[in-house]
Structures are given as C-alpha cells and as structure tokens.
Amino acid sequence: MDAFEILMVIALGSLAGTGIGILIGLIVNTQKKEGSGIIRNDKNITIGLIILCSFICIVVIGYFSLFD
C-alpha cells in the first residue's frame, strides 16, 4: 500500500463512520436536529459513536483493501 491508498482508507472510513455515528445517534434520539438543543451528555455520546464507528470503518476498509 502506498501513501495515497492509506489516505483514501482513512478518508473514506472517517466519512462513513461519521455518517453511521450520526445516524445511530438520531435513531436512539441522543441527537436532535438543532445542534444547540443537545445537552452535554448526549453530545459526548454522539462524539463517542462517531469516533467508534469511524475506527471500525477504517479497520474494515483497510482490511479489505490490504487483500485486494
């Protein structure tokens, strides 16, 4: 893998993880459509979901691109 492929894996994983984390946050109602109406604990949960989902997506995409 060269540097471009590594950067693509990180970028696509971050993008997919952010979308999935926000979607999960909306489904379980920890995130409201207005950003200012979210309490601090719910913001922390949403940020944690985004980081966790991004990490999982980066690992999965990296695993499949490594054996391509």
N, C-alpha and C. Protein backbone atom coordinates (compact mmCIF):
# COMPACT_ATOMS: atom_id res chain seq x y z
N MET A 1 0.84 -1.18 0.00
CA MET A 1 0.00 0.00 0.00
C MET A 1 0.88 1.24 0.00
N ASP A 2 0.56 2.16 -0.86
CA ASP A 2 1.30 3.41 -0.86
C ASP A 2 0.53 4.47 -0.04
N ALA A 3 1.08 5.66 0.03
CA ALA A 3 0.52 6.70 0.90
C ALA A 3 -0.88 7.12 0.44
N PHE A 4 -1.10 7.16 -0.87
CA PHE A 4 -2.41 7.56 -1.38
C PHE A 4 -3.49 6.58 -0.95
N GLU A 5 -3.22 5.29 -1.01
CA GLU A 5 -4.20 4.29 -0.60
C GLU A 5 -4.50 4.38 0.89
N ILE A 6 -3.48 4.63 1.69
CA ILE A 6 -3.68 4.77 3.14
C ILE A 6 -4.55 5.99 3.43
N LEU A 7 -4.28 7.10 2.75
CA LEU A 7 -5.09 8.30 2.96
C LEU A 7 -6.52 8.10 2.49
N MET A 8 -6.72 7.35 1.41
CA MET A 8 -8.07 7.06 0.94
C MET A 8 -8.83 6.21 1.94
N VAL A 9 -8.18 5.22 2.52
CA VAL A 9 -8.82 4.38 3.53
C VAL A 9 -9.23 5.21 4.73
N ILE A 10 -8.35 6.09 5.19
CA ILE A 10 -8.66 6.93 6.34
C ILE A 10 -9.80 7.90 6.02
N ALA A 11 -9.76 8.51 4.84
CA ALA A 11 -10.80 9.47 4.47
C ALA A 11 -12.16 8.80 4.31
N LEU A 12 -12.20 7.69 3.59
CA LEU A 12 -13.48 7.01 3.40
C LEU A 12 -14.01 6.42 4.69
N GLY A 13 -13.12 5.89 5.53
CA GLY A 13 -13.55 5.35 6.81
C GLY A 13 -14.08 6.42 7.74
N SER A 14 -13.45 7.57 7.74
CA SER A 14 -13.92 8.68 8.56
C SER A 14 -15.27 9.20 8.09
N LEU A 15 -15.43 9.31 6.79
CA LEU A 15 -16.69 9.77 6.24
C LEU A 15 -17.82 8.80 6.53
N ALA A 16 -17.58 7.53 6.29
CA ALA A 16 -18.61 6.52 6.55
C ALA A 16 -18.91 6.41 8.04
N GLY A 17 -17.89 6.45 8.86
CA GLY A 17 -18.08 6.36 10.31
C GLY A 17 -18.85 7.54 10.87
N THR A 18 -18.58 8.73 10.35
CA THR A 18 -19.32 9.91 10.80
C THR A 18 -20.79 9.78 10.44
N GLY A 19 -21.07 9.37 9.23
CA GLY A 19 -22.47 9.20 8.82
C GLY A 19 -23.18 8.15 9.63
N ILE A 20 -22.54 7.03 9.85
CA ILE A 20 -23.15 5.95 10.63
C ILE A 20 -23.35 6.37 12.08
N GLY A 21 -22.35 7.05 12.67
CA GLY A 21 -22.46 7.50 14.06
C GLY A 21 -23.59 8.50 14.26
N ILE A 22 -23.72 9.45 13.34
CA ILE A 22 -24.81 10.43 13.42
C ILE A 22 -26.15 9.75 13.21
N LEU A 23 -26.22 8.81 12.29
CA LEU A 23 -27.47 8.09 12.05
C LEU A 23 -27.89 7.28 13.27
N ILE A 24 -26.95 6.60 13.91
CA ILE A 24 -27.27 5.86 15.13
C ILE A 24 -27.72 6.82 16.22
N GLY A 25 -27.05 7.97 16.33
CA GLY A 25 -27.46 8.98 17.31
C GLY A 25 -28.86 9.49 17.06
N LEU A 26 -29.25 9.67 15.81
CA LEU A 26 -30.60 10.10 15.51
C LEU A 26 -31.63 9.01 15.80
N ILE A 27 -31.26 7.76 15.53
CA ILE A 27 -32.20 6.65 15.76
C ILE A 27 -32.50 6.48 17.24
N VAL A 28 -31.48 6.57 18.09
CA VAL A 28 -31.70 6.36 19.53
C VAL A 28 -32.04 7.67 20.24
N ASN A 29 -32.26 8.74 19.49
CA ASN A 29 -32.71 10.04 19.99
C ASN A 29 -31.73 10.69 20.96
N THR A 30 -30.44 10.50 20.79
CA THR A 30 -29.46 11.24 21.59
C THR A 30 -29.07 12.51 20.88
N GLN A 31 -29.49 12.67 19.64
CA GLN A 31 -29.13 13.86 18.89
C GLN A 31 -30.40 14.46 18.32
N LYS A 32 -30.53 15.78 18.46
CA LYS A 32 -31.66 16.49 17.89
C LYS A 32 -31.21 17.15 16.60
N LYS A 33 -32.18 17.59 15.83
CA LYS A 33 -31.84 18.20 14.55
C LYS A 33 -31.16 19.56 14.74
N GLU A 34 -31.50 20.29 15.83
CA GLU A 34 -30.82 21.54 16.14
C GLU A 34 -29.64 21.23 17.05
N GLY A 35 -28.47 21.68 16.69
CA GLY A 35 -27.28 21.39 17.47
C GLY A 35 -27.27 22.04 18.84
N SER A 36 -27.92 23.21 18.97
CA SER A 36 -27.89 23.91 20.25
C SER A 36 -28.82 23.28 21.28
N GLY A 37 -29.75 22.45 20.85
CA GLY A 37 -30.70 21.84 21.77
C GLY A 37 -30.22 20.55 22.41
N ILE A 38 -28.97 20.15 22.12
CA ILE A 38 -28.45 18.89 22.63
C ILE A 38 -27.76 19.15 23.97
N ILE A 39 -28.05 18.34 24.97
CA ILE A 39 -27.37 18.50 26.25
C ILE A 39 -25.96 17.90 26.16
N ARG A 40 -25.10 18.26 27.11
CA ARG A 40 -23.68 17.90 27.04
C ARG A 40 -23.46 16.39 27.04
N ASN A 41 -24.20 15.65 27.84
CA ASN A 41 -24.02 14.20 27.90
C ASN A 41 -24.36 13.55 26.56
N ASP A 42 -25.43 14.03 25.92
CA ASP A 42 -25.79 13.48 24.62
C ASP A 42 -24.76 13.83 23.55
N LYS A 43 -24.15 15.00 23.66
CA LYS A 43 -23.08 15.37 22.72
C LYS A 43 -21.90 14.42 22.88
N ASN A 44 -21.55 14.12 24.12
CA ASN A 44 -20.43 13.21 24.35
C ASN A 44 -20.72 11.81 23.82
N ILE A 45 -21.96 11.35 23.97
CA ILE A 45 -22.34 10.03 23.44
C ILE A 45 -22.26 10.04 21.92
N THR A 46 -22.74 11.10 21.30
CA THR A 46 -22.69 11.19 19.83
C THR A 46 -21.25 11.24 19.33
N ILE A 47 -20.39 12.00 20.01
CA ILE A 47 -18.98 12.07 19.61
C ILE A 47 -18.32 10.70 19.77
N GLY A 48 -18.64 10.00 20.85
CA GLY A 48 -18.11 8.65 21.04
C GLY A 48 -18.56 7.69 19.96
N LEU A 49 -19.84 7.79 19.58
CA LEU A 49 -20.36 6.95 18.50
C LEU A 49 -19.63 7.23 17.19
N ILE A 50 -19.40 8.51 16.90
CA ILE A 50 -18.73 8.87 15.66
C ILE A 50 -17.30 8.34 15.64
N ILE A 51 -16.58 8.49 16.76
CA ILE A 51 -15.20 8.01 16.82
C ILE A 51 -15.15 6.49 16.70
N LEU A 52 -16.03 5.79 17.41
CA LEU A 52 -16.05 4.33 17.37
C LEU A 52 -16.42 3.82 15.98
N CYS A 53 -17.45 4.38 15.38
CA CYS A 53 -17.86 3.93 14.04
C CYS A 53 -16.80 4.26 12.99
N SER A 54 -16.14 5.41 13.12
CA SER A 54 -15.07 5.75 12.19
C SER A 54 -13.91 4.77 12.30
N PHE A 55 -13.54 4.43 13.53
CA PHE A 55 -12.46 3.47 13.74
C PHE A 55 -12.81 2.12 13.13
N ILE A 56 -14.03 1.66 13.36
CA ILE A 56 -14.45 0.36 12.82
C ILE A 56 -14.44 0.39 11.29
N CYS A 57 -14.95 1.46 10.70
CA CYS A 57 -14.98 1.56 9.24
C CYS A 57 -13.57 1.61 8.65
N ILE A 58 -12.67 2.35 9.30
CA ILE A 58 -11.29 2.41 8.81
C ILE A 58 -10.64 1.04 8.86
N VAL A 59 -10.86 0.29 9.94
CA VAL A 59 -10.27 -1.04 10.07
C VAL A 59 -10.84 -1.99 9.01
N VAL A 60 -12.15 -1.95 8.80
CA VAL A 60 -12.77 -2.86 7.83
C VAL A 60 -12.32 -2.52 6.40
N ILE A 61 -12.35 -1.24 6.04
CA ILE A 61 -11.91 -0.85 4.69
C ILE A 61 -10.43 -1.16 4.50
N GLY A 62 -9.62 -0.90 5.52
CA GLY A 62 -8.20 -1.21 5.43
C GLY A 62 -7.93 -2.69 5.29
N TYR A 63 -8.70 -3.50 5.99
CA TYR A 63 -8.54 -4.96 5.89
C TYR A 63 -8.85 -5.44 4.49
N PHE A 64 -9.96 -4.96 3.91
CA PHE A 64 -10.32 -5.41 2.57
C PHE A 64 -9.41 -4.85 1.49
N SER A 65 -8.90 -3.63 1.68
CA SER A 65 -8.00 -3.07 0.67
C SER A 65 -6.61 -3.69 0.77
N LEU A 66 -6.26 -4.23 1.92
CA LEU A 66 -4.97 -4.87 2.06
C LEU A 66 -4.89 -6.17 1.25
N PHE A 67 -6.01 -6.88 1.16
CA PHE A 67 -6.02 -8.15 0.44
C PHE A 67 -6.60 -8.02 -0.97
N ASP A 68 -6.66 -6.81 -1.48
CA ASP A 68 -7.18 -6.60 -2.83
C ASP A 68 -6.10 -6.75 -3.86
